[in-house]
C-alpha atoms as a PDB file:
ATOM      1  CA  MET A   1      34.533 -27.592  14.232  1.00  0.00           C
ATOM      2  CA  LYS A   2      32.859 -26.625  17.447  1.00  0.00           C
ATOM      3  CA  LYS A   3      33.522 -22.980  16.785  1.00  0.00           C
ATOM      4  CA  ILE A   4      31.914 -23.190  13.416  1.00  0.00           C
ATOM      5  CA  ILE A   5      28.806 -24.844  14.708  1.00  0.00           C
ATOM      6  CA  SER A   6      28.506 -22.434  17.593  1.00  0.00           C
ATOM      7  CA  SER A   7      28.848 -19.513  15.373  1.00  0.00           C
ATOM      8  CA  VAL A   8      26.264 -20.829  12.951  1.00  0.00           C
ATOM      9  CA  VAL A   9      23.886 -21.364  15.869  1.00  0.00           C
ATOM     10  CA  LEU A  10      24.530 -17.915  17.185  1.00  0.00           C
ATOM     11  CA  MET A  11      24.037 -16.218  13.814  1.00  0.00           C
ATOM     12  CA  THR A  12      20.742 -18.190  13.380  1.00  0.00           C
ATOM     13  CA  GLY A  13      19.497 -17.058  16.650  1.00  0.00           C
ATOM     14  CA  ILE A  14      20.455 -13.474  15.799  1.00  0.00           C
ATOM     15  CA  VAL A  15      18.640 -13.583  12.530  1.00  0.00           C
ATOM     16  CA  LEU A  16      15.455 -15.146  14.057  1.00  0.00           C
ATOM     17  CA  GLY A  17      15.587 -12.627  16.815  1.00  0.00           C
ATOM     18  CA  ILE A  18      15.799  -9.661  14.336  1.00  0.00           C
ATOM     19  CA  SER A  19      13.017 -11.069  12.166  1.00  0.00           C
ATOM     20  CA  ALA A  20      10.796 -11.663  15.283  1.00  0.00           C
ATOM     21  CA  GLN A  21      11.213  -8.055  16.199  1.00  0.00           C
ATOM     22  CA  THR A  22       9.934  -6.815  12.882  1.00  0.00           C
ATOM     23  CA  ARG A  23       6.956  -9.197  12.446  1.00  0.00           C
ATOM     24  CA  THR A  24       3.515  -7.741  12.915  1.00  0.00           C
ATOM     25  CA  PRO A  25       0.989 -10.532  12.381  1.00  0.00           C
ATOM     26  CA  GLN A  26      -1.716  -9.068  14.538  1.00  0.00           C
ATOM     27  CA  VAL A  27      -1.562  -5.807  12.538  1.00  0.00           C
ATOM     28  CA  THR A  28      -1.592  -7.730   9.225  1.00  0.00           C
ATOM     29  CA  ASN A  29      -4.491  -9.942  10.233  1.00  0.00           C
ATOM     30  CA  ARG A  30      -6.432  -6.963  11.475  1.00  0.00           C
ATOM     31  CA  GLN A  31      -5.671  -5.015   8.153  1.00  0.00           C
ATOM     32  CA  VAL A  32      -7.068  -8.009   6.146  1.00  0.00           C
ATOM     33  CA  ALA A  33     -10.114  -8.156   8.345  1.00  0.00           C
ATOM     34  CA  GLN A  34     -10.835  -4.335   8.085  1.00  0.00           C
ATOM     35  CA  GLN A  35     -10.352  -4.577   4.240  1.00  0.00           C
ATOM     36  CA  ALA A  36     -12.877  -7.359   4.105  1.00  0.00           C
ATOM     37  CA  ARG A  37     -15.400  -5.278   6.061  1.00  0.00           C
ATOM     38  CA  ILE A  38     -14.967  -2.261   3.896  1.00  0.00           C
ATOM     39  CA  ARG A  39     -15.446  -4.359   0.801  1.00  0.00           C
ATOM     40  CA  GLN A  40     -18.567  -6.083   2.262  1.00  0.00           C
ATOM     41  CA  GLY A  41     -19.934  -2.710   3.232  1.00  0.00           C
ATOM     42  CA  VAL A  42     -19.558  -1.478  -0.384  1.00  0.00           C
ATOM     43  CA  GLU A  43     -21.010  -4.616  -1.906  1.00  0.00           C
ATOM     44  CA  ASN A  44     -24.181  -4.442   0.203  1.00  0.00           C
ATOM     45  CA  GLY A  45     -24.750  -0.825  -0.003  1.00  0.00           C
ATOM     46  CA  GLU A  46     -23.888   0.036   3.710  1.00  0.00           C
ATOM     47  CA  LEU A  47     -20.987   2.284   2.610  1.00  0.00           C
ATOM     48  CA  THR A  48     -21.161   5.187  -0.022  1.00  0.00           C
ATOM     49  CA  ARG A  49     -18.246   5.516  -2.434  1.00  0.00           C
ATOM     50  CA  ARG A  50     -17.037   8.587  -0.592  1.00  0.00           C
ATOM     51  CA  GLU A  51     -17.102   6.776   2.850  1.00  0.00           C
ATOM     52  CA  ALA A  52     -15.270   3.816   1.302  1.00  0.00           C
ATOM     53  CA  VAL A  53     -12.593   6.100  -0.217  1.00  0.00           C
ATOM     54  CA  LYS A  54     -11.943   7.797   3.176  1.00  0.00           C
ATOM     55  CA  LEU A  55     -11.716   4.327   4.978  1.00  0.00           C
ATOM     56  CA  GLU A  56      -9.407   3.046   2.351  1.00  0.00           C
ATOM     57  CA  GLN A  57      -7.216   6.058   2.825  1.00  0.00           C
ATOM     58  CA  GLN A  58      -7.228   5.362   6.444  1.00  0.00           C
ATOM     59  CA  GLN A  59      -6.013   1.873   5.743  1.00  0.00           C
ATOM     60  CA  ARG A  60      -3.229   3.109   3.374  1.00  0.00           C
ATOM     61  CA  LYS A  61      -1.965   5.394   6.232  1.00  0.00           C
ATOM     62  CA  ILE A  62      -1.800   2.274   8.603  1.00  0.00           C
ATOM     63  CA  GLN A  63       0.135   0.409   6.006  1.00  0.00           C
ATOM     64  CA  HIS A  64       2.517   3.331   5.497  1.00  0.00           C
ATOM     65  CA  ASP A  65       3.005   3.598   9.351  1.00  0.00           C
ATOM     66  CA  LYS A  66       3.594  -0.074   9.499  1.00  0.00           C
ATOM     67  CA  LYS A  67       6.249   0.099   6.777  1.00  0.00           C
ATOM     68  CA  GLU A  68       7.864   2.994   8.576  1.00  0.00           C
ATOM     69  CA  ALA A  69       8.063   1.063  11.894  1.00  0.00           C
ATOM     70  CA  LYS A  70       9.693  -1.861  10.192  1.00  0.00           C
ATOM     71  CA  ALA A  71      12.183   0.239   8.239  1.00  0.00           C
ATOM     72  CA  ASP A  72      14.888   0.281  10.917  1.00  0.00           C
ATOM     73  CA  GLY A  73      14.545  -3.520  11.497  1.00  0.00           C
ATOM     74  CA  VAL A  74      12.853  -3.209  14.945  1.00  0.00           C
ATOM     75  CA  VAL A  75       9.154  -2.523  15.708  1.00  0.00           C
ATOM     76  CA  THR A  76       9.318  -0.937  19.160  1.00  0.00           C
ATOM     77  CA  PRO A  77       6.392  -1.304  21.629  1.00  0.00           C
ATOM     78  CA  GLU A  78       5.626   2.407  21.020  1.00  0.00           C
ATOM     79  CA  GLU A  79       5.317   1.785  17.386  1.00  0.00           C
ATOM     80  CA  ARG A  80       3.353  -1.245  17.820  1.00  0.00           C
ATOM     81  CA  ALA A  81       0.971   0.616  20.195  1.00  0.00           C
ATOM     82  CA  LYS A  82       0.488   3.360  17.671  1.00  0.00           C
ATOM     83  CA  LEU A  83      -0.449   0.855  15.047  1.00  0.00           C
ATOM     84  CA  HIS A  84      -2.922  -0.774  17.330  1.00  0.00           C
ATOM     85  CA  ARG A  85      -4.358   2.675  18.298  1.00  0.00           C
ATOM     86  CA  GLU A  86      -4.769   3.593  14.639  1.00  0.00           C
ATOM     87  CA  GLN A  87      -6.332   0.202  13.919  1.00  0.00           C
ATOM     88  CA  ARG A  88      -9.017   0.495  16.763  1.00  0.00           C
ATOM     89  CA  LYS A  89      -9.891   3.955  15.423  1.00  0.00           C
ATOM     90  CA  ALA A  90     -10.185   2.629  11.841  1.00  0.00           C
ATOM     91  CA  GLY A  91     -12.265  -0.227  13.162  1.00  0.00           C
ATOM     92  CA  ALA A  92     -14.580   2.144  14.909  1.00  0.00           C
ATOM     93  CA  ASP A  93     -14.828   4.433  11.931  1.00  0.00           C
ATOM     94  CA  ILE A  94     -15.819   1.348   9.829  1.00  0.00           C
ATOM     95  CA  TYR A  95     -18.510   0.463  12.181  1.00  0.00           C
ATOM     96  CA  ARG A  96     -19.807   3.917  12.460  1.00  0.00           C
ATOM     97  CA  GLN A  97     -20.026   4.385   8.668  1.00  0.00           C
ATOM     98  CA  LYS A  98     -21.619   1.135   8.119  1.00  0.00           C
ATOM     99  CA  HIS A  99     -24.298   1.791  10.532  1.00  0.00           C
ATOM    100  CA  ASP A 100     -25.158   5.385   9.750  1.00  0.00           C
ATOM    101  CA  VAL A 101     -28.230   6.350   7.896  1.00  0.00           C
ATOM    102  CA  GLN A 102     -26.564   6.985   4.548  1.00  0.00           C
ATOM    103  CA  LYS A 103     -27.035   4.242   1.942  1.00  0.00           C
ATOM    104  CA  ARG A 104     -25.676   3.806  -1.509  1.00  0.00           C
END
């Protein structure tokens, strides 16, 4: 009985450890916020269609890279850093496009 309980506890710990290594809540939250900024920029005319399309493509690339990072079951610190770098650049691009002189 003790062996069964200890093996169940061990397996639960392994499963939780693996799922914790593939979780990227900060990346996901930032993606949601950036999508909202893009949508808001389109709605109020700060972004042209062309600018919005490019920013959306950038968001799709981040999503693709996130999926690739999770594919092997572990998001390494290097992969996580790459995702954060891409998101910082995307955030700066959104800011720059929303604050340029072009209006829809």
